[in-house]
Amino acid sequence: MMSADAGTPRPILPSLARIYQPLAPYGYAFLRACTGAMLIPHGAQKLFFGGAAALGGKTLAAWPAPLAWAYGIGVLEFVGGALLVLGLLTRPIALLLVVELLVFIFSVHIDKGWLWNRGGIQYPLFLLGLCLAFLFRGGGHYSLDRAIGKEF
């Protein structure tokens, strides 16, 4: 039989509950901001430091207009990452990132195995999971989507 308070776990170190409880509401926003902060440098590298040319000339070479796609991906990662940090247009950005990550997982990373340091799927799969969570849940309580009262 389950008790009435079975849904609320107790901290292993009860003395730390004073710290956990006030910070708990910010966990999702922190996760969203960290994910955006991880994507911004990838986009910046593509847009401002020659990464788009390398991506367009190598990975996307078989695509029509590979350089345009590479810059588009750079804009998505740079601007989309900033919008994730702010929690603005969270679901549309997350959807675009899910599509991007699926394409890269299955076209670039899958043949390199699991480990991220060998170019495997570990890192993009982790980002895919985070973006799926943002797609399903939206910006959350502490987001500009919530502040303006619109969720797309």
C-alpha atoms as a PDB file:
ATOM      1  CA  MET A   1       0.000   0.000   0.000  1.00  0.00           C
ATOM      2  CA  MET A   2       1.284   3.484  -0.863  1.00  0.00           C
ATOM      3  CA  SER A   3       1.189   6.370   1.546  1.00  0.00           C
ATOM      4  CA  ALA A   4      -0.425   9.694   0.689  1.00  0.00           C
ATOM      5  CA  ASP A   5       2.918  11.480   0.385  1.00  0.00           C
ATOM      6  CA  ALA A   6       4.593   8.807  -1.785  1.00  0.00           C
ATOM      7  CA  GLY A   7       4.777  11.269  -4.691  1.00  0.00           C
ATOM      8  CA  THR A   8       7.178  13.591  -2.871  1.00  0.00           C
ATOM      9  CA  PRO A   9      10.605  12.062  -2.382  1.00  0.00           C
ATOM     10  CA  ARG A  10      12.528  12.940   0.733  1.00  0.00           C
ATOM     11  CA  PRO A  11      16.139  14.111   0.363  1.00  0.00           C
ATOM     12  CA  ILE A  12      18.798  11.598   1.342  1.00  0.00           C
ATOM     13  CA  LEU A  13      20.442  14.430   3.278  1.00  0.00           C
ATOM     14  CA  PRO A  14      17.476  16.135   4.961  1.00  0.00           C
ATOM     15  CA  SER A  15      19.608  19.064   6.067  1.00  0.00           C
ATOM     16  CA  LEU A  16      19.994  20.042   2.384  1.00  0.00           C
ATOM     17  CA  ALA A  17      16.225  20.356   1.872  1.00  0.00           C
ATOM     18  CA  ARG A  18      16.565  24.047   2.755  1.00  0.00           C
ATOM     19  CA  ILE A  19      18.660  24.450  -0.388  1.00  0.00           C
ATOM     20  CA  TYR A  20      16.717  22.104  -2.688  1.00  0.00           C
ATOM     21  CA  GLN A  21      13.228  23.417  -2.085  1.00  0.00           C
ATOM     22  CA  PRO A  22      13.727  27.068  -3.067  1.00  0.00           C
ATOM     23  CA  LEU A  23      15.786  26.126  -6.145  1.00  0.00           C
ATOM     24  CA  ALA A  24      13.536  23.319  -7.435  1.00  0.00           C
ATOM     25  CA  PRO A  25      11.167  25.566  -9.469  1.00  0.00           C
ATOM     26  CA  TYR A  26      14.110  26.874 -11.495  1.00  0.00           C
ATOM     27  CA  GLY A  27      15.420  23.448 -12.565  1.00  0.00           C
ATOM     28  CA  TYR A  28      13.627  23.271 -15.903  1.00  0.00           C
ATOM     29  CA  ALA A  29      14.541  26.845 -16.848  1.00  0.00           C
ATOM     30  CA  PHE A  30      18.161  26.117 -15.941  1.00  0.00           C
ATOM     31  CA  LEU A  31      18.144  23.011 -18.130  1.00  0.00           C
ATOM     32  CA  ARG A  32      16.652  24.974 -21.033  1.00  0.00           C
ATOM     33  CA  ALA A  33      19.205  27.778 -20.618  1.00  0.00           C
ATOM     34  CA  CYS A  34      22.134  25.357 -20.439  1.00  0.00           C
ATOM     35  CA  THR A  35      20.979  23.606 -23.614  1.00  0.00           C
ATOM     36  CA  GLY A  36      20.722  26.918 -25.443  1.00  0.00           C
ATOM     37  CA  ALA A  37      24.138  27.923 -24.129  1.00  0.00           C
ATOM     38  CA  MET A  38      25.586  24.692 -25.549  1.00  0.00           C
ATOM     39  CA  LEU A  39      24.098  25.375 -28.990  1.00  0.00           C
ATOM     40  CA  ILE A  40      25.102  29.044 -29.335  1.00  0.00           C
ATOM     41  CA  PRO A  41      28.859  28.390 -29.771  1.00  0.00           C
ATOM     42  CA  HIS A  42      28.147  25.754 -32.429  1.00  0.00           C
ATOM     43  CA  GLY A  43      26.121  28.288 -34.384  1.00  0.00           C
ATOM     44  CA  ALA A  44      28.707  31.029 -33.854  1.00  0.00           C
ATOM     45  CA  GLN A  45      31.440  28.758 -35.150  1.00  0.00           C
ATOM     46  CA  LYS A  46      29.426  28.087 -38.312  1.00  0.00           C
ATOM     47  CA  LEU A  47      28.433  31.719 -38.864  1.00  0.00           C
ATOM     48  CA  PHE A  48      31.526  33.656 -37.868  1.00  0.00           C
ATOM     49  CA  PHE A  49      34.533  31.323 -37.909  1.00  0.00           C
ATOM     50  CA  GLY A  50      34.341  29.399 -41.191  1.00  0.00           C
ATOM     51  CA  GLY A  51      32.425  26.406 -39.931  1.00  0.00           C
ATOM     52  CA  ALA A  52      29.657  26.796 -42.496  1.00  0.00           C
ATOM     53  CA  ALA A  53      32.128  26.469 -45.367  1.00  0.00           C
ATOM     54  CA  ALA A  54      33.592  23.323 -43.827  1.00  0.00           C
ATOM     55  CA  LEU A  55      30.147  21.877 -43.124  1.00  0.00           C
ATOM     56  CA  GLY A  56      28.836  22.800 -46.568  1.00  0.00           C
ATOM     57  CA  GLY A  57      31.912  21.521 -48.368  1.00  0.00           C
ATOM     58  CA  LYS A  58      32.161  18.237 -46.499  1.00  0.00           C
ATOM     59  CA  THR A  59      29.090  16.962 -44.683  1.00  0.00           C
ATOM     60  CA  LEU A  60      26.399  18.589 -46.791  1.00  0.00           C
ATOM     61  CA  ALA A  61      28.195  18.358 -50.133  1.00  0.00           C
ATOM     62  CA  ALA A  62      25.567  16.005 -51.595  1.00  0.00           C
ATOM     63  CA  TRP A  63      22.701  18.360 -50.700  1.00  0.00           C
ATOM     64  CA  PRO A  64      21.439  21.057 -53.069  1.00  0.00           C
ATOM     65  CA  ALA A  65      22.913  24.430 -52.076  1.00  0.00           C
ATOM     66  CA  PRO A  66      25.056  22.996 -49.259  1.00  0.00           C
ATOM     67  CA  LEU A  67      26.473  26.354 -48.170  1.00  0.00           C
ATOM     68  CA  ALA A  68      22.985  27.834 -47.778  1.00  0.00           C
ATOM     69  CA  TRP A  69      21.979  24.836 -45.630  1.00  0.00           C
ATOM     70  CA  ALA A  70      25.140  25.203 -43.547  1.00  0.00           C
ATOM     71  CA  TYR A  71      24.437  28.880 -42.844  1.00  0.00           C
ATOM     72  CA  GLY A  72      20.808  28.043 -42.096  1.00  0.00           C
ATOM     73  CA  ILE A  73      21.940  25.471 -39.552  1.00  0.00           C
ATOM     74  CA  GLY A  74      24.317  28.048 -38.088  1.00  0.00           C
ATOM     75  CA  VAL A  75      21.471  30.553 -37.715  1.00  0.00           C
ATOM     76  CA  LEU A  76      19.251  27.895 -36.137  1.00  0.00           C
ATOM     77  CA  GLU A  77      21.892  26.948 -33.590  1.00  0.00           C
ATOM     78  CA  PHE A  78      22.961  30.526 -32.812  1.00  0.00           C
ATOM     79  CA  VAL A  79      19.597  32.308 -32.776  1.00  0.00           C
ATOM     80  CA  GLY A  80      17.644  29.218 -31.738  1.00  0.00           C
ATOM     81  CA  GLY A  81      20.035  28.625 -28.852  1.00  0.00           C
ATOM     82  CA  ALA A  82      19.545  32.210 -27.675  1.00  0.00           C
ATOM     83  CA  LEU A  83      15.767  31.826 -27.946  1.00  0.00           C
ATOM     84  CA  LEU A  84      15.935  28.625 -25.889  1.00  0.00           C
ATOM     85  CA  VAL A  85      17.881  30.479 -23.206  1.00  0.00           C
ATOM     86  CA  LEU A  86      15.112  33.082 -23.103  1.00  0.00           C
ATOM     87  CA  GLY A  87      12.301  30.573 -23.456  1.00  0.00           C
ATOM     88  CA  LEU A  88      10.849  32.365 -26.473  1.00  0.00           C
ATOM     89  CA  LEU A  89       9.335  30.348 -29.351  1.00  0.00           C
ATOM     90  CA  THR A  90      10.501  27.307 -27.429  1.00  0.00           C
ATOM     91  CA  ARG A  91       8.413  24.644 -29.175  1.00  0.00           C
ATOM     92  CA  PRO A  92       9.063  25.742 -32.795  1.00  0.00           C
ATOM     93  CA  ILE A  93      12.792  26.071 -32.125  1.00  0.00           C
ATOM     94  CA  ALA A  94      12.852  22.706 -30.377  1.00  0.00           C
ATOM     95  CA  LEU A  95      11.070  21.110 -33.339  1.00  0.00           C
ATOM     96  CA  LEU A  96      13.598  22.528 -35.801  1.00  0.00           C
ATOM     97  CA  LEU A  97      16.464  21.351 -33.603  1.00  0.00           C
ATOM     98  CA  VAL A  98      14.929  17.871 -33.311  1.00  0.00           C
ATOM     99  CA  VAL A  99      14.828  17.617 -37.110  1.00  0.00           C
ATOM    100  CA  GLU A 100      18.398  18.907 -37.419  1.00  0.00           C
ATOM    101  CA  LEU A 101      19.708  16.522 -34.786  1.00  0.00           C
ATOM    102  CA  LEU A 102      17.938  13.510 -36.298  1.00  0.00           C
ATOM    103  CA  VAL A 103      19.416  14.312 -39.708  1.00  0.00           C
ATOM    104  CA  PHE A 104      22.916  14.652 -38.277  1.00  0.00           C
ATOM    105  CA  ILE A 105      22.627  11.581 -36.067  1.00  0.00           C
ATOM    106  CA  PHE A 106      21.617   9.381 -38.989  1.00  0.00           C
ATOM    107  CA  SER A 107      23.783  10.970 -41.680  1.00  0.00           C
ATOM    108  CA  VAL A 108      26.985  11.898 -39.860  1.00  0.00           C
ATOM    109  CA  HIS A 109      27.345  10.388 -36.408  1.00  0.00           C
ATOM    110  CA  ILE A 110      25.803   6.912 -36.525  1.00  0.00           C
ATOM    111  CA  ASP A 111      28.719   5.331 -38.394  1.00  0.00           C
ATOM    112  CA  LYS A 112      31.162   6.610 -35.777  1.00  0.00           C
ATOM    113  CA  GLY A 113      29.716   4.643 -32.882  1.00  0.00           C
ATOM    114  CA  TRP A 114      28.550   5.836 -29.478  1.00  0.00           C
ATOM    115  CA  LEU A 115      31.353   7.915 -27.949  1.00  0.00           C
ATOM    116  CA  TRP A 116      31.210  11.683 -28.450  1.00  0.00           C
ATOM    117  CA  ASN A 117      35.002  12.048 -28.553  1.00  0.00           C
ATOM    118  CA  ARG A 118      35.053   9.883 -31.683  1.00  0.00           C
ATOM    119  CA  GLY A 119      32.242  11.808 -33.350  1.00  0.00           C
ATOM    120  CA  GLY A 120      29.629   9.268 -32.301  1.00  0.00           C
ATOM    121  CA  ILE A 121      25.972   9.753 -31.467  1.00  0.00           C
ATOM    122  CA  GLN A 122      26.324  10.305 -27.702  1.00  0.00           C
ATOM    123  CA  TYR A 123      26.350  14.126 -27.713  1.00  0.00           C
ATOM    124  CA  PRO A 124      23.761  14.745 -30.455  1.00  0.00           C
ATOM    125  CA  LEU A 125      21.489  12.083 -28.937  1.00  0.00           C
ATOM    126  CA  PHE A 126      21.718  13.849 -25.577  1.00  0.00           C
ATOM    127  CA  LEU A 127      20.778  17.162 -27.218  1.00  0.00           C
ATOM    128  CA  LEU A 128      17.964  15.401 -29.084  1.00  0.00           C
ATOM    129  CA  GLY A 129      16.507  14.173 -25.788  1.00  0.00           C
ATOM    130  CA  LEU A 130      16.632  17.655 -24.305  1.00  0.00           C
ATOM    131  CA  CYS A 131      15.028  19.227 -27.387  1.00  0.00           C
ATOM    132  CA  LEU A 132      12.279  16.591 -27.367  1.00  0.00           C
ATOM    133  CA  ALA A 133      11.538  17.511 -23.744  1.00  0.00           C
ATOM    134  CA  PHE A 134      11.280  21.195 -24.699  1.00  0.00           C
ATOM    135  CA  LEU A 135       9.061  20.293 -27.649  1.00  0.00           C
ATOM    136  CA  PHE A 136       6.713  18.307 -25.399  1.00  0.00           C
ATOM    137  CA  ARG A 137       6.636  20.697 -22.441  1.00  0.00           C
ATOM    138  CA  GLY A 138       7.290  24.108 -23.957  1.00  0.00           C
ATOM    139  CA  GLY A 139       9.174  26.914 -22.283  1.00  0.00           C
ATOM    140  CA  GLY A 140       8.035  26.158 -18.768  1.00  0.00           C
ATOM    141  CA  HIS A 141       7.096  28.485 -15.962  1.00  0.00           C
ATOM    142  CA  TYR A 142      10.133  30.784 -16.192  1.00  0.00           C
ATOM    143  CA  SER A 143      10.129  31.644 -19.893  1.00  0.00           C
ATOM    144  CA  LEU A 144       9.258  34.560 -22.138  1.00  0.00           C
ATOM    145  CA  ASP A 145       6.604  32.365 -23.742  1.00  0.00           C
ATOM    146  CA  ARG A 146       4.843  32.245 -20.381  1.00  0.00           C
ATOM    147  CA  ALA A 147       5.508  35.923 -19.645  1.00  0.00           C
ATOM    148  CA  ILE A 148       3.804  37.090 -22.844  1.00  0.00           C
ATOM    149  CA  GLY A 149       1.014  34.573 -22.382  1.00  0.00           C
ATOM    150  CA  LYS A 150       1.504  32.900 -25.762  1.00  0.00           C
ATOM    151  CA  GLU A 151       2.871  29.488 -26.511  1.00  0.00           C
ATOM    152  CA  PHE A 152       3.337  28.543 -30.117  1.00  0.00           C
END
